């Protein structure tokens, strides 16, 4: 081969290799991003998105812990896991100077005790966990709160979200306790109450909780607010109830694992998702609340006035946001394993 041809081949190979390295590896909740966002991000930046999903916080945390913070450039933990992962060295600091769209975020959801100064997390979406009811099969007026799910007439008929903090929230609030309790006696009471609930449970689901309601497999149970909105697009009879004992509230945030290999691209991805036009699509497609004030300026009234997407103050005041429970998480896990094993 002639030298010029060899040189040209090497240059092409180098350019191809360089482009191939331009990627960002994202690990996110299932069905938790607008459908065209990934392709649009790649088209704009040339950065390929390697995207995979998980069904609950514990799955993501366990995998990242096992891999010592490596393997992904972006993860999306809920509030209580941010402080835990930060303390265990699984996350790295985020450079706010690289996030030109950061000012779009509402101050009310920033600088919380789980991550002072948002050094390790940037709010993406927030929402609530409440009760779904098919109004064609069950009169919504008869369901006031979590306690109603314990009625024996619902034997083998309920859906519970396959997430231990969500399920324990329900039992803790039913008994008048904080969803963030670390009191062993209160946790034991909640566990024993959940044991009594298990005969009523037909299915655990965290992949797509709306689907069993849409298929008619269940007509009552737990659901995330965004899943309810997506369900209503197909069946308006599925309604949402803020439990009188208090709904669960959470914020899911973008974080960069300690072992991320594409840190610069991770920042570009976060900044892209903070854009108002991108965030608007997320709310319209997924039905979750946004911490992005600029997004709210772009939304139609049917979204802004939807109390499931943007809950009224009284519902938020009755509810409680999840926090890290520290060493008590071991007891939560122990009781959860027993429940899932039928013990």
C-alpha atoms as a PDB file:
ATOM      1  CA  UNK A   1       0.000   0.000   0.000  1.00  0.00           C
ATOM      2  CA  UNK A   2       1.293   3.450  -0.908  1.00  0.00           C
ATOM      3  CA  UNK A   3       2.170   5.750   1.998  1.00  0.00           C
ATOM      4  CA  UNK A   4      -0.507   8.384   1.202  1.00  0.00           C
ATOM      5  CA  UNK A   5      -3.170   5.665   1.100  1.00  0.00           C
ATOM      6  CA  UNK A   6      -1.908   4.184   4.365  1.00  0.00           C
ATOM      7  CA  UNK A   7      -1.896   7.612   5.979  1.00  0.00           C
ATOM      8  CA  UNK A   8      -5.442   8.290   4.788  1.00  0.00           C
ATOM      9  CA  UNK A   9      -6.604   4.933   6.141  1.00  0.00           C
ATOM     10  CA  UNK A  10      -5.038   5.648   9.522  1.00  0.00           C
ATOM     11  CA  UNK A  11      -6.616   9.091   9.683  1.00  0.00           C
ATOM     12  CA  UNK A  12     -10.063   7.669   8.901  1.00  0.00           C
ATOM     13  CA  UNK A  13      -9.585   4.954  11.497  1.00  0.00           C
ATOM     14  CA  UNK A  14      -8.509   7.512  14.088  1.00  0.00           C
ATOM     15  CA  UNK A  15     -11.483   9.737  13.333  1.00  0.00           C
ATOM     16  CA  UNK A  16     -13.848   6.767  13.507  1.00  0.00           C
ATOM     17  CA  UNK A  17     -12.334   5.683  16.813  1.00  0.00           C
ATOM     18  CA  UNK A  18     -12.631   9.193  18.206  1.00  0.00           C
ATOM     19  CA  UNK A  19     -16.274   9.429  17.190  1.00  0.00           C
ATOM     20  CA  UNK A  20     -16.976   5.979  18.659  1.00  0.00           C
ATOM     21  CA  UNK A  21     -15.669   7.204  21.996  1.00  0.00           C
ATOM     22  CA  UNK A  22     -18.157  10.068  22.000  1.00  0.00           C
ATOM     23  CA  UNK A  23     -20.878   8.447  24.066  1.00  0.00           C
ATOM     24  CA  UNK A  24     -22.718   8.716  27.346  1.00  0.00           C
ATOM     25  CA  UNK A  25     -23.966   5.676  29.255  1.00  0.00           C
ATOM     26  CA  UNK A  26     -27.314   6.353  30.944  1.00  0.00           C
ATOM     27  CA  UNK A  27     -29.015   4.107  33.529  1.00  0.00           C
ATOM     28  CA  UNK A  28     -32.559   5.345  34.169  1.00  0.00           C
ATOM     29  CA  UNK A  29     -35.969   4.222  35.375  1.00  0.00           C
ATOM     30  CA  UNK A  30     -38.096   2.346  32.846  1.00  0.00           C
ATOM     31  CA  UNK A  31     -40.295   4.642  30.704  1.00  0.00           C
ATOM     32  CA  UNK A  32     -38.774   7.758  32.245  1.00  0.00           C
ATOM     33  CA  UNK A  33     -37.683   9.883  29.307  1.00  0.00           C
ATOM     34  CA  UNK A  34     -39.486  11.323  26.288  1.00  0.00           C
ATOM     35  CA  UNK A  35     -39.272   9.000  23.312  1.00  0.00           C
ATOM     36  CA  UNK A  36     -37.350  11.241  20.923  1.00  0.00           C
ATOM     37  CA  UNK A  37     -35.024  12.928  23.462  1.00  0.00           C
ATOM     38  CA  UNK A  38     -32.170  10.449  23.088  1.00  0.00           C
ATOM     39  CA  UNK A  39     -32.134  10.573  19.292  1.00  0.00           C
ATOM     40  CA  UNK A  40     -32.428  14.362  19.316  1.00  0.00           C
ATOM     41  CA  UNK A  41     -29.542  14.658  21.783  1.00  0.00           C
ATOM     42  CA  UNK A  42     -27.320  12.495  19.562  1.00  0.00           C
ATOM     43  CA  UNK A  43     -28.326  14.419  16.451  1.00  0.00           C
ATOM     44  CA  UNK A  44     -27.435  17.732  18.089  1.00  0.00           C
ATOM     45  CA  UNK A  45     -24.205  16.704  19.799  1.00  0.00           C
ATOM     46  CA  UNK A  46     -22.881  13.656  17.958  1.00  0.00           C
ATOM     47  CA  UNK A  47     -22.788  11.858  21.316  1.00  0.00           C
ATOM     48  CA  UNK A  48     -24.251   8.371  21.225  1.00  0.00           C
ATOM     49  CA  UNK A  49     -26.483   7.409  24.159  1.00  0.00           C
ATOM     50  CA  UNK A  50     -26.145   3.894  25.522  1.00  0.00           C
ATOM     51  CA  UNK A  51     -29.372   3.567  27.470  1.00  0.00           C
ATOM     52  CA  UNK A  52     -30.560   0.913  29.903  1.00  0.00           C
ATOM     53  CA  UNK A  53     -33.283   0.846  32.542  1.00  0.00           C
ATOM     54  CA  UNK A  54     -34.149  -0.424  36.012  1.00  0.00           C
ATOM     55  CA  UNK A  55     -37.445  -0.911  37.860  1.00  0.00           C
ATOM     56  CA  UNK A  56     -36.594   0.380  41.330  1.00  0.00           C
ATOM     57  CA  UNK A  57     -33.975   2.252  43.311  1.00  0.00           C
ATOM     58  CA  UNK A  58     -32.634  -0.835  45.020  1.00  0.00           C
ATOM     59  CA  UNK A  59     -31.793  -2.532  41.713  1.00  0.00           C
ATOM     60  CA  UNK A  60     -29.844   0.491  40.510  1.00  0.00           C
ATOM     61  CA  UNK A  61     -28.061   0.964  43.833  1.00  0.00           C
ATOM     62  CA  UNK A  62     -27.073  -2.707  44.146  1.00  0.00           C
ATOM     63  CA  UNK A  63     -25.645  -2.798  40.631  1.00  0.00           C
ATOM     64  CA  UNK A  64     -23.675   0.424  41.059  1.00  0.00           C
ATOM     65  CA  UNK A  65     -22.423  -0.738  44.457  1.00  0.00           C
ATOM     66  CA  UNK A  66     -21.291  -4.060  42.993  1.00  0.00           C
ATOM     67  CA  UNK A  67     -19.459  -2.250  40.190  1.00  0.00           C
ATOM     68  CA  UNK A  68     -17.921   0.262  42.632  1.00  0.00           C
ATOM     69  CA  UNK A  69     -19.483   3.243  40.895  1.00  0.00           C
ATOM     70  CA  UNK A  70     -18.366   2.189  37.434  1.00  0.00           C
ATOM     71  CA  UNK A  71     -20.160   1.273  34.219  1.00  0.00           C
ATOM     72  CA  UNK A  72     -22.453   4.289  33.871  1.00  0.00           C
ATOM     73  CA  UNK A  73     -22.123   8.030  33.301  1.00  0.00           C
ATOM     74  CA  UNK A  74     -25.631   8.998  34.456  1.00  0.00           C
ATOM     75  CA  UNK A  75     -27.942   7.438  37.054  1.00  0.00           C
ATOM     76  CA  UNK A  76     -31.267   8.774  38.365  1.00  0.00           C
ATOM     77  CA  UNK A  77     -31.664   8.046  42.091  1.00  0.00           C
ATOM     78  CA  UNK A  78     -34.527   9.241  44.276  1.00  0.00           C
ATOM     79  CA  UNK A  79     -33.949  11.659  47.129  1.00  0.00           C
ATOM     80  CA  UNK A  80     -33.140   9.196  49.893  1.00  0.00           C
ATOM     81  CA  UNK A  81     -30.560   7.347  47.799  1.00  0.00           C
ATOM     82  CA  UNK A  82     -28.588  10.443  46.806  1.00  0.00           C
ATOM     83  CA  UNK A  83     -27.273  11.028  50.319  1.00  0.00           C
ATOM     84  CA  UNK A  84     -26.586   7.325  50.819  1.00  0.00           C
ATOM     85  CA  UNK A  85     -24.685   6.937  47.558  1.00  0.00           C
ATOM     86  CA  UNK A  86     -22.795  10.171  48.184  1.00  0.00           C
ATOM     87  CA  UNK A  87     -21.719   8.986  51.647  1.00  0.00           C
ATOM     88  CA  UNK A  88     -20.540   5.656  50.216  1.00  0.00           C
ATOM     89  CA  UNK A  89     -18.404   7.333  47.562  1.00  0.00           C
ATOM     90  CA  UNK A  90     -20.526   6.146  44.645  1.00  0.00           C
ATOM     91  CA  UNK A  91     -21.115   9.623  43.206  1.00  0.00           C
ATOM     92  CA  UNK A  92     -18.852  12.433  42.070  1.00  0.00           C
ATOM     93  CA  UNK A  93     -19.416  16.170  42.265  1.00  0.00           C
ATOM     94  CA  UNK A  94     -21.222  17.861  39.393  1.00  0.00           C
ATOM     95  CA  UNK A  95     -19.642  20.960  37.864  1.00  0.00           C
ATOM     96  CA  UNK A  96     -22.412  23.557  37.887  1.00  0.00           C
ATOM     97  CA  UNK A  97     -20.380  25.808  35.592  1.00  0.00           C
ATOM     98  CA  UNK A  98     -20.982  23.315  32.789  1.00  0.00           C
ATOM     99  CA  UNK A  99     -24.764  23.462  33.205  1.00  0.00           C
ATOM    100  CA  UNK A 100     -25.923  26.592  31.414  1.00  0.00           C
ATOM    101  CA  UNK A 101     -29.585  25.667  31.969  1.00  0.00           C
ATOM    102  CA  UNK A 102     -29.283  25.160  35.718  1.00  0.00           C
ATOM    103  CA  UNK A 103     -30.973  28.532  36.476  1.00  0.00           C
ATOM    104  CA  UNK A 104     -34.165  27.066  34.955  1.00  0.00           C
ATOM    105  CA  UNK A 105     -34.715  24.966  38.084  1.00  0.00           C
ATOM    106  CA  UNK A 106     -37.021  26.090  40.860  1.00  0.00           C
ATOM    107  CA  UNK A 107     -35.243  27.115  44.066  1.00  0.00           C
ATOM    108  CA  UNK A 108     -37.921  25.297  46.085  1.00  0.00           C
ATOM    109  CA  UNK A 109     -36.561  21.904  45.006  1.00  0.00           C
ATOM    110  CA  UNK A 110     -32.892  22.797  45.266  1.00  0.00           C
ATOM    111  CA  UNK A 111     -30.412  22.733  48.150  1.00  0.00           C
ATOM    112  CA  UNK A 112     -32.257  20.089  50.186  1.00  0.00           C
ATOM    113  CA  UNK A 113     -30.771  18.282  53.169  1.00  0.00           C
ATOM    114  CA  UNK A 114     -30.158  15.105  51.150  1.00  0.00           C
ATOM    115  CA  UNK A 115     -27.717  17.068  48.957  1.00  0.00           C
ATOM    116  CA  UNK A 116     -26.809  20.571  50.213  1.00  0.00           C
ATOM    117  CA  UNK A 117     -25.846  22.798  47.316  1.00  0.00           C
ATOM    118  CA  UNK A 118     -26.824  20.064  44.828  1.00  0.00           C
ATOM    119  CA  UNK A 119     -23.199  19.034  44.543  1.00  0.00           C
ATOM    120  CA  UNK A 120     -24.117  15.462  43.616  1.00  0.00           C
ATOM    121  CA  UNK A 121     -27.606  15.657  42.129  1.00  0.00           C
ATOM    122  CA  UNK A 122     -29.623  17.802  39.728  1.00  0.00           C
ATOM    123  CA  UNK A 123     -33.443  17.488  40.002  1.00  0.00           C
ATOM    124  CA  UNK A 124     -35.047  15.891  36.950  1.00  0.00           C
ATOM    125  CA  UNK A 125     -38.648  15.031  37.852  1.00  0.00           C
ATOM    126  CA  UNK A 126     -40.768  14.830  40.964  1.00  0.00           C
ATOM    127  CA  UNK A 127     -44.100  13.272  41.730  1.00  0.00           C
ATOM    128  CA  UNK A 128     -46.295  11.400  44.148  1.00  0.00           C
ATOM    129  CA  UNK A 129     -47.389   7.880  44.978  1.00  0.00           C
ATOM    130  CA  UNK A 130     -51.089   7.471  45.595  1.00  0.00           C
ATOM    131  CA  UNK A 131     -54.057   5.225  44.919  1.00  0.00           C
ATOM    132  CA  UNK A 132     -55.449   4.277  41.507  1.00  0.00           C
ATOM    133  CA  UNK A 133     -59.063   3.179  41.139  1.00  0.00           C
ATOM    134  CA  UNK A 134     -61.059   2.140  38.095  1.00  0.00           C
ATOM    135  CA  UNK A 135     -64.201   4.212  38.568  1.00  0.00           C
ATOM    136  CA  UNK A 136     -66.244   1.905  36.326  1.00  0.00           C
ATOM    137  CA  UNK A 137     -65.679  -0.975  38.721  1.00  0.00           C
ATOM    138  CA  UNK A 138     -65.274   0.770  42.090  1.00  0.00           C
ATOM    139  CA  UNK A 139     -66.852   3.977  43.359  1.00  0.00           C
ATOM    140  CA  UNK A 140     -63.890   6.321  44.057  1.00  0.00           C
ATOM    141  CA  UNK A 141     -65.905   7.967  46.853  1.00  0.00           C
ATOM    142  CA  UNK A 142     -65.551   4.748  48.867  1.00  0.00           C
ATOM    143  CA  UNK A 143     -61.759   4.937  48.862  1.00  0.00           C
ATOM    144  CA  UNK A 144     -60.402   7.607  51.184  1.00  0.00           C
ATOM    145  CA  UNK A 145     -56.936   6.426  52.077  1.00  0.00           C
ATOM    146  CA  UNK A 146     -54.328   3.711  52.454  1.00  0.00           C
ATOM    147  CA  UNK A 147     -56.288   1.998  55.239  1.00  0.00           C
ATOM    148  CA  UNK A 148     -59.080   1.117  52.789  1.00  0.00           C
ATOM    149  CA  UNK A 149     -56.746  -1.249  50.938  1.00  0.00           C
ATOM    150  CA  UNK A 150     -56.696  -3.545  53.992  1.00  0.00           C
ATOM    151  CA  UNK A 151     -60.403  -4.369  53.625  1.00  0.00           C
ATOM    152  CA  UNK A 152     -60.792  -8.133  53.156  1.00  0.00           C
ATOM    153  CA  UNK A 153     -63.155  -7.615  50.206  1.00  0.00           C
ATOM    154  CA  UNK A 154     -60.074  -6.779  48.123  1.00  0.00           C
ATOM    155  CA  UNK A 155     -58.518 -10.217  48.649  1.00  0.00           C
ATOM    156  CA  UNK A 156     -56.304 -11.051  45.669  1.00  0.00           C
ATOM    157  CA  UNK A 157     -57.242  -7.820  43.876  1.00  0.00           C
ATOM    158  CA  UNK A 158     -54.621  -5.151  44.660  1.00  0.00           C
ATOM    159  CA  UNK A 159     -51.533  -3.885  42.889  1.00  0.00           C
ATOM    160  CA  UNK A 160     -48.584  -2.746  44.983  1.00  0.00           C
ATOM    161  CA  UNK A 161     -45.564  -0.967  43.546  1.00  0.00           C
ATOM    162  CA  UNK A 162     -42.532  -3.222  43.747  1.00  0.00           C
ATOM    163  CA  UNK A 163     -40.501  -0.743  45.786  1.00  0.00           C
ATOM    164  CA  UNK A 164     -39.900  -1.255  49.482  1.00  0.00           C
ATOM    165  CA  UNK A 165     -39.890   2.412  50.516  1.00  0.00           C
ATOM    166  CA  UNK A 166     -43.172   2.998  48.682  1.00  0.00           C
ATOM    167  CA  UNK A 167     -44.889   0.010  50.305  1.00  0.00           C
ATOM    168  CA  UNK A 168     -43.575   0.823  53.773  1.00  0.00           C
ATOM    169  CA  UNK A 169     -44.663   4.441  53.307  1.00  0.00           C
ATOM    170  CA  UNK A 170     -48.237   3.204  52.949  1.00  0.00           C
ATOM    171  CA  UNK A 171     -48.173   1.144  56.162  1.00  0.00           C
ATOM    172  CA  UNK A 172     -46.228   3.724  58.159  1.00  0.00           C
ATOM    173  CA  UNK A 173     -48.591   6.575  57.261  1.00  0.00           C
ATOM    174  CA  UNK A 174     -51.593   4.336  57.971  1.00  0.00           C
ATOM    175  CA  UNK A 175     -50.277   3.942  61.517  1.00  0.00           C
ATOM    176  CA  UNK A 176     -49.490   7.620  61.955  1.00  0.00           C
ATOM    177  CA  UNK A 177     -45.713   7.303  61.578  1.00  0.00           C
ATOM    178  CA  UNK A 178     -43.226   9.147  59.401  1.00  0.00           C
ATOM    179  CA  UNK A 179     -42.272   7.536  56.115  1.00  0.00           C
ATOM    180  CA  UNK A 180     -38.666   8.226  57.158  1.00  0.00           C
ATOM    181  CA  UNK A 181     -38.817   6.586  60.565  1.00  0.00           C
ATOM    182  CA  UNK A 182     -35.808   4.753  61.942  1.00  0.00           C
ATOM    183  CA  UNK A 183     -37.684   3.533  65.017  1.00  0.00           C
ATOM    184  CA  UNK A 184     -37.511  -0.299  65.149  1.00  0.00           C
ATOM    185  CA  UNK A 185     -40.853  -0.569  66.947  1.00  0.00           C
ATOM    186  CA  UNK A 186     -42.607   1.537  64.313  1.00  0.00           C
ATOM    187  CA  UNK A 187     -41.036  -0.485  61.530  1.00  0.00           C
ATOM    188  CA  UNK A 188     -42.115  -3.714  63.199  1.00  0.00           C
ATOM    189  CA  UNK A 189     -45.682  -2.415  63.446  1.00  0.00           C
ATOM    190  CA  UNK A 190     -45.648  -1.483  59.753  1.00  0.00           C
ATOM    191  CA  UNK A 191     -44.226  -4.884  58.800  1.00  0.00           C
ATOM    192  CA  UNK A 192     -46.838  -6.759  60.811  1.00  0.00           C
ATOM    193  CA  UNK A 193     -49.568  -4.616  59.235  1.00  0.00           C
ATOM    194  CA  UNK A 194     -48.218  -5.369  55.765  1.00  0.00           C
ATOM    195  CA  UNK A 195     -48.317  -9.074  56.567  1.00  0.00           C
ATOM    196  CA  UNK A 196     -52.072  -8.662  57.041  1.00  0.00           C
ATOM    197  CA  UNK A 197     -52.306  -6.882  53.692  1.00  0.00           C
ATOM    198  CA  UNK A 198     -50.510  -9.547  51.659  1.00  0.00           C
ATOM    199  CA  UNK A 199     -53.614 -11.739  51.060  1.00  0.00           C
ATOM    200  CA  UNK A 200     -55.140  -8.769  49.213  1.00  0.00           C
ATOM    201  CA  UNK A 201     -52.172  -8.399  46.865  1.00  0.00           C
ATOM    202  CA  UNK A 202     -52.580  -9.738  43.354  1.00  0.00           C
ATOM    203  CA  UNK A 203     -49.384  -8.348  41.826  1.00  0.00           C
ATOM    204  CA  UNK A 204     -46.232  -6.327  42.531  1.00  0.00           C
ATOM    205  CA  UNK A 205     -45.199  -4.095  39.641  1.00  0.00           C
ATOM    206  CA  UNK A 206     -42.644  -1.343  39.135  1.00  0.00           C
ATOM    207  CA  UNK A 207     -41.865  -1.792  35.434  1.00  0.00           C
ATOM    208  CA  UNK A 208     -45.124  -0.249  34.201  1.00  0.00           C
ATOM    209  CA  UNK A 209     -47.738  -0.125  37.003  1.00  0.00           C
ATOM    210  CA  UNK A 210     -50.428   1.308  34.723  1.00  0.00           C
ATOM    211  CA  UNK A 211     -50.597  -1.778  32.523  1.00  0.00           C
ATOM    212  CA  UNK A 212     -52.456  -4.119  34.939  1.00  0.00           C
ATOM    213  CA  UNK A 213     -55.097  -1.385  35.366  1.00  0.00           C
ATOM    214  CA  UNK A 214     -55.423  -0.946  31.614  1.00  0.00           C
ATOM    215  CA  UNK A 215     -55.704  -4.685  31.001  1.00  0.00           C
ATOM    216  CA  UNK A 216     -58.348  -5.067  33.702  1.00  0.00           C
ATOM    217  CA  UNK A 217     -56.234  -7.371  35.848  1.00  0.00           C
ATOM    218  CA  UNK A 218     -56.602  -4.970  38.779  1.00  0.00           C
ATOM    219  CA  UNK A 219     -58.932  -2.081  39.568  1.00  0.00           C
ATOM    220  CA  UNK A 220     -57.389  -0.786  42.783  1.00  0.00           C
ATOM    221  CA  UNK A 221     -53.970  -0.267  44.300  1.00  0.00           C
ATOM    222  CA  UNK A 222     -50.870   1.899  44.312  1.00  0.00           C
ATOM    223  CA  UNK A 223     -49.584   3.934  41.385  1.00  0.00           C
ATOM    224  CA  UNK A 224     -47.104   6.688  40.579  1.00  0.00           C
ATOM    225  CA  UNK A 225     -48.630   9.986  39.459  1.00  0.00           C
ATOM    226  CA  UNK A 226     -47.046   9.923  36.010  1.00  0.00           C
ATOM    227  CA  UNK A 227     -48.166   6.350  35.399  1.00  0.00           C
ATOM    228  CA  UNK A 228     -51.703   7.442  36.265  1.00  0.00           C
ATOM    229  CA  UNK A 229     -51.555  10.267  33.717  1.00  0.00           C
ATOM    230  CA  UNK A 230     -50.322   7.876  31.027  1.00  0.00           C
ATOM    231  CA  UNK A 231     -53.058   5.388  31.962  1.00  0.00           C
ATOM    232  CA  UNK A 232     -55.742   8.064  31.633  1.00  0.00           C
ATOM    233  CA  UNK A 233     -54.661   8.747  28.058  1.00  0.00           C
ATOM    234  CA  UNK A 234     -56.005   5.277  27.245  1.00  0.00           C
ATOM    235  CA  UNK A 235     -58.708   4.945  29.889  1.00  0.00           C
ATOM    236  CA  UNK A 236     -60.073   8.111  31.565  1.00  0.00           C
ATOM    237  CA  UNK A 237     -61.981   5.942  34.077  1.00  0.00           C
ATOM    238  CA  UNK A 238     -58.783   5.264  35.990  1.00  0.00           C
ATOM    239  CA  UNK A 239     -58.681   7.938  38.667  1.00  0.00           C
ATOM    240  CA  UNK A 240     -56.120   9.103  41.217  1.00  0.00           C
ATOM    241  CA  UNK A 241     -56.680   9.527  44.933  1.00  0.00           C
ATOM    242  CA  UNK A 242     -54.385  11.380  47.310  1.00  0.00           C
ATOM    243  CA  UNK A 243     -54.691   9.192  50.450  1.00  0.00           C
ATOM    244  CA  UNK A 244     -56.012  11.041  53.489  1.00  0.00           C
ATOM    245  CA  UNK A 245     -53.074   9.751  55.554  1.00  0.00           C
ATOM    246  CA  UNK A 246     -50.660  11.361  53.087  1.00  0.00           C
ATOM    247  CA  UNK A 247     -49.233  10.478  49.686  1.00  0.00           C
ATOM    248  CA  UNK A 248     -45.582   9.667  49.164  1.00  0.00           C
ATOM    249  CA  UNK A 249     -43.498  12.324  47.432  1.00  0.00           C
ATOM    250  CA  UNK A 250     -40.075  12.050  45.837  1.00  0.00           C
ATOM    251  CA  UNK A 251     -37.600  13.835  43.609  1.00  0.00           C
ATOM    252  CA  UNK A 252     -35.576  11.885  41.052  1.00  0.00           C
ATOM    253  CA  UNK A 253     -32.296  13.511  40.078  1.00  0.00           C
ATOM    254  CA  UNK A 254     -29.467  13.167  37.609  1.00  0.00           C
ATOM    255  CA  UNK A 255     -26.223  12.050  39.252  1.00  0.00           C
ATOM    256  CA  UNK A 256     -22.805  11.121  37.901  1.00  0.00           C
ATOM    257  CA  UNK A 257     -21.292   7.917  39.326  1.00  0.00           C
ATOM    258  CA  UNK A 258     -17.815   8.100  40.809  1.00  0.00           C
ATOM    259  CA  UNK A 259     -16.420   5.771  38.138  1.00  0.00           C
ATOM    260  CA  UNK A 260     -18.004   7.460  35.112  1.00  0.00           C
ATOM    261  CA  UNK A 261     -15.759   7.390  32.050  1.00  0.00           C
ATOM    262  CA  UNK A 262     -17.529  10.062  29.994  1.00  0.00           C
ATOM    263  CA  UNK A 263     -17.886  12.855  32.531  1.00  0.00           C
ATOM    264  CA  UNK A 264     -17.873  15.717  30.031  1.00  0.00           C
ATOM    265  CA  UNK A 265     -20.616  14.070  28.007  1.00  0.00           C
ATOM    266  CA  UNK A 266     -22.579  13.392  31.190  1.00  0.00           C
ATOM    267  CA  UNK A 267     -22.650  17.112  31.895  1.00  0.00           C
ATOM    268  CA  UNK A 268     -23.777  17.795  28.321  1.00  0.00           C
ATOM    269  CA  UNK A 269     -26.586  15.277  28.693  1.00  0.00           C
ATOM    270  CA  UNK A 270     -27.800  16.784  31.971  1.00  0.00           C
ATOM    271  CA  UNK A 271     -27.684  20.292  30.529  1.00  0.00           C
ATOM    272  CA  UNK A 272     -29.654  19.170  27.477  1.00  0.00           C
ATOM    273  CA  UNK A 273     -32.366  17.630  29.689  1.00  0.00           C
ATOM    274  CA  UNK A 274     -32.630  20.900  31.626  1.00  0.00           C
ATOM    275  CA  UNK A 275     -33.637  22.796  28.496  1.00  0.00           C
ATOM    276  CA  UNK A 276     -37.191  24.139  28.648  1.00  0.00           C
ATOM    277  CA  UNK A 277     -38.262  22.669  25.295  1.00  0.00           C
ATOM    278  CA  UNK A 278     -36.940  19.227  26.235  1.00  0.00           C
ATOM    279  CA  UNK A 279     -38.519  19.340  29.684  1.00  0.00           C
ATOM    280  CA  UNK A 280     -41.867  20.301  28.156  1.00  0.00           C
ATOM    281  CA  UNK A 281     -41.909  17.087  26.116  1.00  0.00           C
ATOM    282  CA  UNK A 282     -41.062  15.060  29.215  1.00  0.00           C
ATOM    283  CA  UNK A 283     -44.043  16.431  31.155  1.00  0.00           C
ATOM    284  CA  UNK A 284     -46.430  16.046  28.214  1.00  0.00           C
ATOM    285  CA  UNK A 285     -45.376  12.455  27.512  1.00  0.00           C
ATOM    286  CA  UNK A 286     -44.746  11.136  31.018  1.00  0.00           C
ATOM    287  CA  UNK A 287     -47.094  13.152  33.217  1.00  0.00           C
ATOM    288  CA  UNK A 288     -44.679  13.783  36.066  1.00  0.00           C
ATOM    289  CA  UNK A 289     -44.079  17.130  37.734  1.00  0.00           C
ATOM    290  CA  UNK A 290     -41.104  19.204  36.690  1.00  0.00           C
ATOM    291  CA  UNK A 291     -38.741  21.237  38.883  1.00  0.00           C
ATOM    292  CA  UNK A 292     -38.073  23.391  35.816  1.00  0.00           C
ATOM    293  CA  UNK A 293     -39.778  26.780  36.084  1.00  0.00           C
ATOM    294  CA  UNK A 294     -39.144  27.576  32.426  1.00  0.00           C
ATOM    295  CA  UNK A 295     -40.980  24.412  31.419  1.00  0.00           C
ATOM    296  CA  UNK A 296     -44.070  25.532  33.292  1.00  0.00           C
ATOM    297  CA  UNK A 297     -44.073  28.729  31.231  1.00  0.00           C
ATOM    298  CA  UNK A 298     -44.445  26.618  28.072  1.00  0.00           C
ATOM    299  CA  UNK A 299     -47.136  24.181  29.233  1.00  0.00           C
ATOM    300  CA  UNK A 300     -50.814  24.366  28.285  1.00  0.00           C
ATOM    301  CA  UNK A 301     -53.396  24.886  31.001  1.00  0.00           C
ATOM    302  CA  UNK A 302     -54.540  21.251  30.808  1.00  0.00           C
ATOM    303  CA  UNK A 303     -51.165  20.268  32.251  1.00  0.00           C
ATOM    304  CA  UNK A 304     -50.685  23.186  34.643  1.00  0.00           C
ATOM    305  CA  UNK A 305     -54.179  22.753  36.098  1.00  0.00           C
ATOM    306  CA  UNK A 306     -53.935  18.974  36.423  1.00  0.00           C
ATOM    307  CA  UNK A 307     -53.797  18.261  40.164  1.00  0.00           C
ATOM    308  CA  UNK A 308     -52.147  14.888  39.619  1.00  0.00           C
ATOM    309  CA  UNK A 309     -49.209  16.482  37.797  1.00  0.00           C
ATOM    310  CA  UNK A 310     -49.045  19.573  39.996  1.00  0.00           C
ATOM    311  CA  UNK A 311     -50.682  18.573  43.298  1.00  0.00           C
ATOM    312  CA  UNK A 312     -52.469  21.118  45.486  1.00  0.00           C
ATOM    313  CA  UNK A 313     -50.640  22.481  48.520  1.00  0.00           C
ATOM    314  CA  UNK A 314     -52.863  20.584  50.965  1.00  0.00           C
ATOM    315  CA  UNK A 315     -51.937  17.258  49.355  1.00  0.00           C
ATOM    316  CA  UNK A 316     -48.237  18.078  49.557  1.00  0.00           C
ATOM    317  CA  UNK A 317     -48.581  19.242  53.166  1.00  0.00           C
ATOM    318  CA  UNK A 318     -50.261  15.966  54.174  1.00  0.00           C
ATOM    319  CA  UNK A 319     -47.661  13.909  52.333  1.00  0.00           C
ATOM    320  CA  UNK A 320     -43.997  13.406  52.987  1.00  0.00           C
ATOM    321  CA  UNK A 321     -40.848  13.375  50.873  1.00  0.00           C
ATOM    322  CA  UNK A 322     -38.553  10.374  51.237  1.00  0.00           C
ATOM    323  CA  UNK A 323     -35.217  10.808  52.986  1.00  0.00           C
ATOM    324  CA  UNK A 324     -32.255   8.551  53.692  1.00  0.00           C
ATOM    325  CA  UNK A 325     -32.919   6.406  56.780  1.00  0.00           C
ATOM    326  CA  UNK A 326     -29.267   5.428  57.312  1.00  0.00           C
ATOM    327  CA  UNK A 327     -28.561   2.176  59.107  1.00  0.00           C
ATOM    328  CA  UNK A 328     -32.287   1.544  59.519  1.00  0.00           C
ATOM    329  CA  UNK A 329     -32.347   0.572  55.846  1.00  0.00           C
ATOM    330  CA  UNK A 330     -31.000  -2.836  56.861  1.00  0.00           C
ATOM    331  CA  UNK A 331     -34.161  -3.441  58.874  1.00  0.00           C
ATOM    332  CA  UNK A 332     -36.361  -2.182  56.036  1.00  0.00           C
ATOM    333  CA  UNK A 333     -34.628  -4.653  53.696  1.00  0.00           C
ATOM    334  CA  UNK A 334     -34.944  -7.518  56.163  1.00  0.00           C
ATOM    335  CA  UNK A 335     -38.682  -6.995  56.552  1.00  0.00           C
ATOM    336  CA  UNK A 336     -39.121  -6.499  52.790  1.00  0.00           C
ATOM    337  CA  UNK A 337     -37.437  -9.806  51.985  1.00  0.00           C
ATOM    338  CA  UNK A 338     -39.686 -11.562  54.485  1.00  0.00           C
ATOM    339  CA  UNK A 339     -42.798  -9.995  52.981  1.00  0.00           C
ATOM    340  CA  UNK A 340     -41.831 -10.962  49.430  1.00  0.00           C
ATOM    341  CA  UNK A 341     -41.078 -14.492  50.653  1.00  0.00           C
ATOM    342  CA  UNK A 342     -44.473 -14.741  52.291  1.00  0.00           C
ATOM    343  CA  UNK A 343     -43.154 -14.743  55.847  1.00  0.00           C
END
